[in-house]
Amino acid sequence: MSRSATIRTDVEEAEILAASVRPDNTPQIDTRVEDGAVVTAIERETTGGLRTTVDDYVVNLSVAQRVVQAAKRHADNTKQTDNT
């Protein structure tokens, strides 16, 4: 019997974030975008394995989100500098 979890994260840059975490997917992890949200389904054989994978995924998504936010701030600052 396997364990599973589905994580839905409503974010502004769903396509970019999903693409950022997708390379870490294994055959038991499916990341997609649905209605502007990143949705990731995870399946593992053990509860401990599921917990570890979910924890890793949440950390990776959080880092990806901070990188996207930093890139947007940088792009906004560049635009402001170019317009002055």
PDB file of N, CA and C in Angstrom:
ATOM      1  N   MET A   1       0.835  -1.177   0.000  1.00  0.00           N
ATOM      2  CA  MET A   1       0.000   0.000   0.000  1.00  0.00           C
ATOM      3  C   MET A   1       0.886   1.249   0.000  1.00  0.00           C
ATOM      4  N   SER A   2       0.636   2.152  -0.925  1.00  0.00           N
ATOM      5  CA  SER A   2       1.461   3.355  -1.002  1.00  0.00           C
ATOM      6  C   SER A   2       0.759   4.520  -0.319  1.00  0.00           C
ATOM      7  N   ARG A   3       1.542   5.536  -0.019  1.00  0.00           N
ATOM      8  CA  ARG A   3       1.041   6.779   0.598  1.00  0.00           C
ATOM      9  C   ARG A   3       1.102   7.857  -0.468  1.00  0.00           C
ATOM     10  N   SER A   4       0.174   8.814  -0.397  1.00  0.00           N
ATOM     11  CA  SER A   4       0.187   9.884  -1.407  1.00  0.00           C
ATOM     12  C   SER A   4      -0.232  11.203  -0.789  1.00  0.00           C
ATOM     13  N   ALA A   5       0.196  12.258  -1.444  1.00  0.00           N
ATOM     14  CA  ALA A   5      -0.167  13.625  -1.052  1.00  0.00           C
ATOM     15  C   ALA A   5      -0.260  14.460  -2.315  1.00  0.00           C
ATOM     16  N   THR A   6      -1.175  15.395  -2.309  1.00  0.00           N
ATOM     17  CA  THR A   6      -1.275  16.373  -3.389  1.00  0.00           C
ATOM     18  C   THR A   6      -1.168  17.750  -2.769  1.00  0.00           C
ATOM     19  N   ILE A   7      -0.248  18.538  -3.306  1.00  0.00           N
ATOM     20  CA  ILE A   7       0.009  19.879  -2.785  1.00  0.00           C
ATOM     21  C   ILE A   7      -0.380  20.884  -3.854  1.00  0.00           C
ATOM     22  N   ARG A   8      -1.263  21.806  -3.502  1.00  0.00           N
ATOM     23  CA  ARG A   8      -1.703  22.861  -4.420  1.00  0.00           C
ATOM     24  C   ARG A   8      -1.215  24.196  -3.860  1.00  0.00           C
ATOM     25  N   THR A   9      -0.475  24.931  -4.691  1.00  0.00           N
ATOM     26  CA  THR A   9       0.095  26.199  -4.261  1.00  0.00           C
ATOM     27  C   THR A   9      -0.344  27.290  -5.227  1.00  0.00           C
ATOM     28  N   ASP A  10      -1.158  28.213  -4.738  1.00  0.00           N
ATOM     29  CA  ASP A  10      -1.607  29.342  -5.559  1.00  0.00           C
ATOM     30  C   ASP A  10      -0.529  30.412  -5.549  1.00  0.00           C
ATOM     31  N   VAL A  11       0.046  30.675  -6.707  1.00  0.00           N
ATOM     32  CA  VAL A  11       1.141  31.633  -6.845  1.00  0.00           C
ATOM     33  C   VAL A  11       0.967  32.427  -8.132  1.00  0.00           C
ATOM     34  N   GLU A  12       1.628  33.578  -8.197  1.00  0.00           N
ATOM     35  CA  GLU A  12       1.537  34.434  -9.383  1.00  0.00           C
ATOM     36  C   GLU A  12       2.229  33.837 -10.600  1.00  0.00           C
ATOM     37  N   GLU A  13       3.381  33.270 -10.441  1.00  0.00           N
ATOM     38  CA  GLU A  13       4.192  32.773 -11.552  1.00  0.00           C
ATOM     39  C   GLU A  13       4.169  31.249 -11.593  1.00  0.00           C
ATOM     40  N   ALA A  14       2.986  30.666 -11.666  1.00  0.00           N
ATOM     41  CA  ALA A  14       2.829  29.215 -11.554  1.00  0.00           C
ATOM     42  C   ALA A  14       3.626  28.456 -12.618  1.00  0.00           C
ATOM     43  N   GLU A  15       3.580  28.906 -13.862  1.00  0.00           N
ATOM     44  CA  GLU A  15       4.293  28.189 -14.936  1.00  0.00           C
ATOM     45  C   GLU A  15       5.798  28.171 -14.674  1.00  0.00           C
ATOM     46  N   ILE A  16       6.340  29.306 -14.272  1.00  0.00           N
ATOM     47  CA  ILE A  16       7.784  29.401 -14.014  1.00  0.00           C
ATOM     48  C   ILE A  16       8.166  28.530 -12.819  1.00  0.00           C
ATOM     49  N   LEU A  17       7.373  28.593 -11.756  1.00  0.00           N
ATOM     50  CA  LEU A  17       7.700  27.806 -10.571  1.00  0.00           C
ATOM     51  C   LEU A  17       7.582  26.309 -10.835  1.00  0.00           C
ATOM     52  N   ALA A  18       6.558  25.905 -11.554  1.00  0.00           N
ATOM     53  CA  ALA A  18       6.409  24.485 -11.883  1.00  0.00           C
ATOM     54  C   ALA A  18       7.604  24.011 -12.717  1.00  0.00           C
ATOM     55  N   ALA A  19       8.011  24.818 -13.675  1.00  0.00           N
ATOM     56  CA  ALA A  19       9.163  24.458 -14.502  1.00  0.00           C
ATOM     57  C   ALA A  19      10.441  24.403 -13.664  1.00  0.00           C
ATOM     58  N   SER A  20      10.507  25.203 -12.617  1.00  0.00           N
ATOM     59  CA  SER A  20      11.695  25.229 -11.760  1.00  0.00           C
ATOM     60  C   SER A  20      11.842  23.978 -10.909  1.00  0.00           C
ATOM     61  N   VAL A  21      10.733  23.429 -10.440  1.00  0.00           N
ATOM     62  CA  VAL A  21      10.824  22.257  -9.559  1.00  0.00           C
ATOM     63  C   VAL A  21      10.678  20.935 -10.315  1.00  0.00           C
ATOM     64  N   ARG A  22      10.159  20.980 -11.527  1.00  0.00           N
ATOM     65  CA  ARG A  22       9.930  19.757 -12.304  1.00  0.00           C
ATOM     66  C   ARG A  22      11.186  18.910 -12.525  1.00  0.00           C
ATOM     67  N   PRO A  23      12.372  19.491 -12.712  1.00  0.00           N
ATOM     68  CA  PRO A  23      13.567  18.647 -12.918  1.00  0.00           C
ATOM     69  C   PRO A  23      13.858  17.704 -11.746  1.00  0.00           C
ATOM     70  N   ASP A  24      13.368  18.025 -10.553  1.00  0.00           N
ATOM     71  CA  ASP A  24      13.580  17.164  -9.388  1.00  0.00           C
ATOM     72  C   ASP A  24      12.558  16.030  -9.301  1.00  0.00           C
ATOM     73  N   ASN A  25      11.561  16.040 -10.177  1.00  0.00           N
ATOM     74  CA  ASN A  25      10.536  15.001 -10.132  1.00  0.00           C
ATOM     75  C   ASN A  25      11.139  13.625 -10.400  1.00  0.00           C
ATOM     76  N   THR A  26      10.617  12.654  -9.699  1.00  0.00           N
ATOM     77  CA  THR A  26      10.913  11.249  -9.968  1.00  0.00           C
ATOM     78  C   THR A  26       9.665  10.664 -10.630  1.00  0.00           C
ATOM     79  N   PRO A  27       9.674   9.410 -11.024  1.00  0.00           N
ATOM     80  CA  PRO A  27       8.455   8.839 -11.616  1.00  0.00           C
ATOM     81  C   PRO A  27       7.239   8.880 -10.681  1.00  0.00           C
ATOM     82  N   GLN A  28       7.470   9.016  -9.374  1.00  0.00           N
ATOM     83  CA  GLN A  28       6.371   9.062  -8.414  1.00  0.00           C
ATOM     84  C   GLN A  28       5.906  10.482  -8.088  1.00  0.00           C
ATOM     85  N   ILE A  29       6.435  11.478  -8.800  1.00  0.00           N
ATOM     86  CA  ILE A  29       6.067  12.869  -8.561  1.00  0.00           C
ATOM     87  C   ILE A  29       5.589  13.479  -9.870  1.00  0.00           C
ATOM     88  N   ASP A  30       4.434  14.114  -9.824  1.00  0.00           N
ATOM     89  CA  ASP A  30       3.875  14.777 -10.997  1.00  0.00           C
ATOM     90  C   ASP A  30       3.580  16.230 -10.639  1.00  0.00           C
ATOM     91  N   THR A  31       4.231  17.158 -11.324  1.00  0.00           N
ATOM     92  CA  THR A  31       4.011  18.580 -11.109  1.00  0.00           C
ATOM     93  C   THR A  31       3.389  19.176 -12.357  1.00  0.00           C
ATOM     94  N   ARG A  32       2.316  19.913 -12.166  1.00  0.00           N
ATOM     95  CA  ARG A  32       1.607  20.538 -13.284  1.00  0.00           C
ATOM     96  C   ARG A  32       1.018  21.859 -12.826  1.00  0.00           C
ATOM     97  N   VAL A  33       0.485  22.619 -13.770  1.00  0.00           N
ATOM     98  CA  VAL A  33      -0.192  23.873 -13.461  1.00  0.00           C
ATOM     99  C   VAL A  33      -1.672  23.691 -13.759  1.00  0.00           C
ATOM    100  N   GLU A  34      -2.494  24.027 -12.777  1.00  0.00           N
ATOM    101  CA  GLU A  34      -3.949  23.962 -12.930  1.00  0.00           C
ATOM    102  C   GLU A  34      -4.552  25.268 -12.417  1.00  0.00           C
ATOM    103  N   ASP A  35      -5.274  25.960 -13.270  1.00  0.00           N
ATOM    104  CA  ASP A  35      -5.974  27.187 -12.872  1.00  0.00           C
ATOM    105  C   ASP A  35      -5.068  28.175 -12.145  1.00  0.00           C
ATOM    106  N   GLY A  36      -3.854  28.356 -12.652  1.00  0.00           N
ATOM    107  CA  GLY A  36      -2.934  29.323 -12.070  1.00  0.00           C
ATOM    108  C   GLY A  36      -2.246  28.867 -10.797  1.00  0.00           C
ATOM    109  N   ALA A  37      -2.332  27.589 -10.477  1.00  0.00           N
ATOM    110  CA  ALA A  37      -1.689  27.061  -9.273  1.00  0.00           C
ATOM    111  C   ALA A  37      -0.736  25.927  -9.657  1.00  0.00           C
ATOM    112  N   VAL A  38       0.324  25.780  -8.876  1.00  0.00           N
ATOM    113  CA  VAL A  38       1.222  24.639  -9.036  1.00  0.00           C
ATOM    114  C   VAL A  38       0.606  23.491  -8.235  1.00  0.00           C
ATOM    115  N   VAL A  39       0.386  22.375  -8.903  1.00  0.00           N
ATOM    116  CA  VAL A  39      -0.192  21.197  -8.250  1.00  0.00           C
ATOM    117  C   VAL A  39       0.801  20.051  -8.398  1.00  0.00           C
ATOM    118  N   THR A  40       1.198  19.490  -7.280  1.00  0.00           N
ATOM    119  CA  THR A  40       2.147  18.395  -7.300  1.00  0.00           C
ATOM    120  C   THR A  40       1.571  17.214  -6.541  1.00  0.00           C
ATOM    121  N   ALA A  41       1.522  16.074  -7.219  1.00  0.00           N
ATOM    122  CA  ALA A  41       1.075  14.821  -6.607  1.00  0.00           C
ATOM    123  C   ALA A  41       2.307  13.967  -6.343  1.00  0.00           C
ATOM    124  N   ILE A  42       2.395  13.450  -5.134  1.00  0.00           N
ATOM    125  CA  ILE A  42       3.546  12.651  -4.717  1.00  0.00           C
ATOM    126  C   ILE A  42       3.030  11.322  -4.178  1.00  0.00           C
ATOM    127  N   GLU A  43       3.701  10.258  -4.569  1.00  0.00           N
ATOM    128  CA  GLU A  43       3.351   8.927  -4.065  1.00  0.00           C
ATOM    129  C   GLU A  43       4.624   8.237  -3.604  1.00  0.00           C
ATOM    130  N   ARG A  44       4.583   7.657  -2.425  1.00  0.00           N
ATOM    131  CA  ARG A  44       5.728   6.938  -1.865  1.00  0.00           C
ATOM    132  C   ARG A  44       5.238   5.674  -1.173  1.00  0.00           C
ATOM    133  N   GLU A  45       6.118   4.733  -1.004  1.00  0.00           N
ATOM    134  CA  GLU A  45       5.767   3.463  -0.379  1.00  0.00           C
ATOM    135  C   GLU A  45       5.567   3.573   1.129  1.00  0.00           C
ATOM    136  N   THR A  46       6.300   4.481   1.765  1.00  0.00           N
ATOM    137  CA  THR A  46       6.217   4.581   3.224  1.00  0.00           C
ATOM    138  C   THR A  46       5.808   5.997   3.635  1.00  0.00           C
ATOM    139  N   THR A  47       5.249   6.091   4.832  1.00  0.00           N
ATOM    140  CA  THR A  47       4.870   7.393   5.368  1.00  0.00           C
ATOM    141  C   THR A  47       6.103   8.272   5.557  1.00  0.00           C
ATOM    142  N   GLY A  48       7.182   7.703   6.053  1.00  0.00           N
ATOM    143  CA  GLY A  48       8.425   8.462   6.237  1.00  0.00           C
ATOM    144  C   GLY A  48       8.976   8.962   4.916  1.00  0.00           C
ATOM    145  N   GLY A  49       8.926   8.125   3.888  1.00  0.00           N
ATOM    146  CA  GLY A  49       9.394   8.543   2.566  1.00  0.00           C
ATOM    147  C   GLY A  49       8.538   9.662   1.999  1.00  0.00           C
ATOM    148  N   LEU A  50       7.232   9.574   2.216  1.00  0.00           N
ATOM    149  CA  LEU A  50       6.332  10.631   1.752  1.00  0.00           C
ATOM    150  C   LEU A  50       6.621  11.936   2.477  1.00  0.00           C
ATOM    151  N   ARG A  51       6.782  11.854   3.777  1.00  0.00           N
ATOM    152  CA  ARG A  51       7.066  13.056   4.570  1.00  0.00           C
ATOM    153  C   ARG A  51       8.357  13.722   4.117  1.00  0.00           C
ATOM    154  N   THR A  52       9.398  12.937   3.898  1.00  0.00           N
ATOM    155  CA  THR A  52      10.685  13.476   3.457  1.00  0.00           C
ATOM    156  C   THR A  52      10.567  14.113   2.082  1.00  0.00           C
ATOM    157  N   THR A  53       9.875  13.457   1.173  1.00  0.00           N
ATOM    158  CA  THR A  53       9.719  13.988  -0.182  1.00  0.00           C
ATOM    159  C   THR A  53       8.906  15.268  -0.178  1.00  0.00           C
ATOM    160  N   VAL A  54       7.817  15.303   0.603  1.00  0.00           N
ATOM    161  CA  VAL A  54       6.996  16.517   0.697  1.00  0.00           C
ATOM    162  C   VAL A  54       7.824  17.655   1.272  1.00  0.00           C
ATOM    163  N   ASP A  55       8.595  17.377   2.314  1.00  0.00           N
ATOM    164  CA  ASP A  55       9.444  18.402   2.916  1.00  0.00           C
ATOM    165  C   ASP A  55      10.442  18.953   1.905  1.00  0.00           C
ATOM    166  N   ASP A  56      11.113  18.071   1.174  1.00  0.00           N
ATOM    167  CA  ASP A  56      12.071  18.504   0.147  1.00  0.00           C
ATOM    168  C   ASP A  56      11.383  19.348  -0.921  1.00  0.00           C
ATOM    169  N   TYR A  57      10.224  18.899  -1.356  1.00  0.00           N
ATOM    170  CA  TYR A  57       9.483  19.624  -2.397  1.00  0.00           C
ATOM    171  C   TYR A  57       9.106  21.033  -1.929  1.00  0.00           C
ATOM    172  N   VAL A  58       8.590  21.145  -0.714  1.00  0.00           N
ATOM    173  CA  VAL A  58       8.176  22.454  -0.197  1.00  0.00           C
ATOM    174  C   VAL A  58       9.372  23.396  -0.099  1.00  0.00           C
ATOM    175  N   VAL A  59      10.504  22.889   0.342  1.00  0.00           N
ATOM    176  CA  VAL A  59      11.716  23.717   0.411  1.00  0.00           C
ATOM    177  C   VAL A  59      12.121  24.157  -0.999  1.00  0.00           C
ATOM    178  N   ASN A  60      12.127  23.234  -1.959  1.00  0.00           N
ATOM    179  CA  ASN A  60      12.513  23.574  -3.335  1.00  0.00           C
ATOM    180  C   ASN A  60      11.566  24.608  -3.937  1.00  0.00           C
ATOM    181  N   LEU A  61      10.272  24.450  -3.712  1.00  0.00           N
ATOM    182  CA  LEU A  61       9.305  25.407  -4.243  1.00  0.00           C
ATOM    183  C   LEU A  61       9.489  26.778  -3.597  1.00  0.00           C
ATOM    184  N   SER A  62       9.759  26.796  -2.311  1.00  0.00           N
ATOM    185  CA  SER A  62       9.979  28.059  -1.599  1.00  0.00           C
ATOM    186  C   SER A  62      11.211  28.795  -2.137  1.00  0.00           C
ATOM    187  N   VAL A  63      12.284  28.059  -2.360  1.00  0.00           N
ATOM    188  CA  VAL A  63      13.504  28.666  -2.920  1.00  0.00           C
ATOM    189  C   VAL A  63      13.223  29.193  -4.329  1.00  0.00           C
ATOM    190  N   ALA A  64      12.540  28.405  -5.139  1.00  0.00           N
ATOM    191  CA  ALA A  64      12.213  28.838  -6.507  1.00  0.00           C
ATOM    192  C   ALA A  64      11.373  30.106  -6.473  1.00  0.00           C
ATOM    193  N   GLN A  65      10.432  30.175  -5.552  1.00  0.00           N
ATOM    194  CA  GLN A  65       9.587  31.369  -5.457  1.00  0.00           C
ATOM    195  C   GLN A  65      10.408  32.597  -5.070  1.00  0.00           C
ATOM    196  N   ARG A  66      11.345  32.442  -4.148  1.00  0.00           N
ATOM    197  CA  ARG A  66      12.191  33.582  -3.761  1.00  0.00           C
ATOM    198  C   ARG A  66      13.076  34.029  -4.918  1.00  0.00           C
ATOM    199  N   VAL A  67      13.580  33.087  -5.708  1.00  0.00           N
ATOM    200  CA  VAL A  67      14.410  33.435  -6.862  1.00  0.00           C
ATOM    201  C   VAL A  67      13.583  34.202  -7.896  1.00  0.00           C
ATOM    202  N   VAL A  68      12.370  33.742  -8.165  1.00  0.00           N
ATOM    203  CA  VAL A  68      11.503  34.433  -9.128  1.00  0.00           C
ATOM    204  C   VAL A  68      11.187  35.844  -8.628  1.00  0.00           C
ATOM    205  N   GLN A  69      10.888  35.991  -7.354  1.00  0.00           N
ATOM    206  CA  GLN A  69      10.606  37.318  -6.800  1.00  0.00           C
ATOM    207  C   GLN A  69      11.816  38.235  -6.904  1.00  0.00           C
ATOM    208  N   ALA A  70      12.996  37.709  -6.621  1.00  0.00           N
ATOM    209  CA  ALA A  70      14.217  38.516  -6.734  1.00  0.00           C
ATOM    210  C   ALA A  70      14.459  38.921  -8.181  1.00  0.00           C
ATOM    211  N   ALA A  71      14.232  38.014  -9.103  1.00  0.00           N
ATOM    212  CA  ALA A  71      14.421  38.329 -10.524  1.00  0.00           C
ATOM    213  C   ALA A  71      13.441  39.406 -10.976  1.00  0.00           C
ATOM    214  N   LYS A  72      12.201  39.329 -10.509  1.00  0.00           N
ATOM    215  CA  LYS A  72      11.217  40.356 -10.869  1.00  0.00           C
ATOM    216  C   LYS A  72      11.611  41.721 -10.301  1.00  0.00           C
ATOM    217  N   ARG A  73      12.098  41.747  -9.052  1.00  0.00           N
ATOM    218  CA  ARG A  73      12.544  43.019  -8.465  1.00  0.00           C
ATOM    219  C   ARG A  73      13.707  43.585  -9.266  1.00  0.00           C
ATOM    220  N   HIS A  74      14.635  42.733  -9.646  1.00  0.00           N
ATOM    221  CA  HIS A  74      15.789  43.175 -10.434  1.00  0.00           C
ATOM    222  C   HIS A  74      15.322  43.735 -11.782  1.00  0.00           C
ATOM    223  N   ALA A  75      14.404  43.029 -12.431  1.00  0.00           N
ATOM    224  CA  ALA A  75      13.893  43.497 -13.726  1.00  0.00           C
ATOM    225  C   ALA A  75      13.173  44.832 -13.572  1.00  0.00           C
ATOM    226  N   ASP A  76      12.397  44.977 -12.506  1.00  0.00           N
ATOM    227  CA  ASP A  76      11.694  46.239 -12.265  1.00  0.00           C
ATOM    228  C   ASP A  76      12.685  47.379 -12.015  1.00  0.00           C
ATOM    229  N   ASN A  77      13.735  47.107 -11.231  1.00  0.00           N
ATOM    230  CA  ASN A  77      14.750  48.130 -10.967  1.00  0.00           C
ATOM    231  C   ASN A  77      15.502  48.516 -12.231  1.00  0.00           C
ATOM    232  N   THR A  78      15.772  47.541 -13.083  1.00  0.00           N
ATOM    233  CA  THR A  78      16.451  47.804 -14.362  1.00  0.00           C
ATOM    234  C   THR A  78      15.591  48.682 -15.248  1.00  0.00           C
ATOM    235  N   LYS A  79      14.306  48.404 -15.300  1.00  0.00           N
ATOM    236  CA  LYS A  79      13.388  49.221 -16.105  1.00  0.00           C
ATOM    237  C   LYS A  79      13.347  50.653 -15.603  1.00  0.00           C
ATOM    238  N   GLN A  80      13.303  50.829 -14.271  1.00  0.00           N
ATOM    239  CA  GLN A  80      13.269  52.174 -13.702  1.00  0.00           C
ATOM    240  C   GLN A  80      14.556  52.918 -14.016  1.00  0.00           C
ATOM    241  N   THR A  81      15.692  52.234 -13.941  1.00  0.00           N
ATOM    242  CA  THR A  81      16.985  52.861 -14.229  1.00  0.00           C
ATOM    243  C   THR A  81      17.079  53.240 -15.693  1.00  0.00           C
ATOM    244  N   ASP A  82      16.563  52.402 -16.584  1.00  0.00           N
ATOM    245  CA  ASP A  82      16.610  52.677 -18.008  1.00  0.00           C
ATOM    246  C   ASP A  82      15.710  53.853 -18.403  1.00  0.00           C
ATOM    247  N   ASN A  83      14.673  54.099 -17.628  1.00  0.00           N
ATOM    248  CA  ASN A  83      13.714  55.173 -17.951  1.00  0.00           C
ATOM    249  C   ASN A  83      14.131  56.521 -17.395  1.00  0.00           C
ATOM    250  N   THR A  84      15.196  56.589 -16.635  1.00  0.00           N
ATOM    251  CA  THR A  84      15.590  57.884 -16.072  1.00  0.00           C
ATOM    252  C   THR A  84      16.671  58.535 -16.864  1.00  0.00           C
TER     253      THR A  84
END
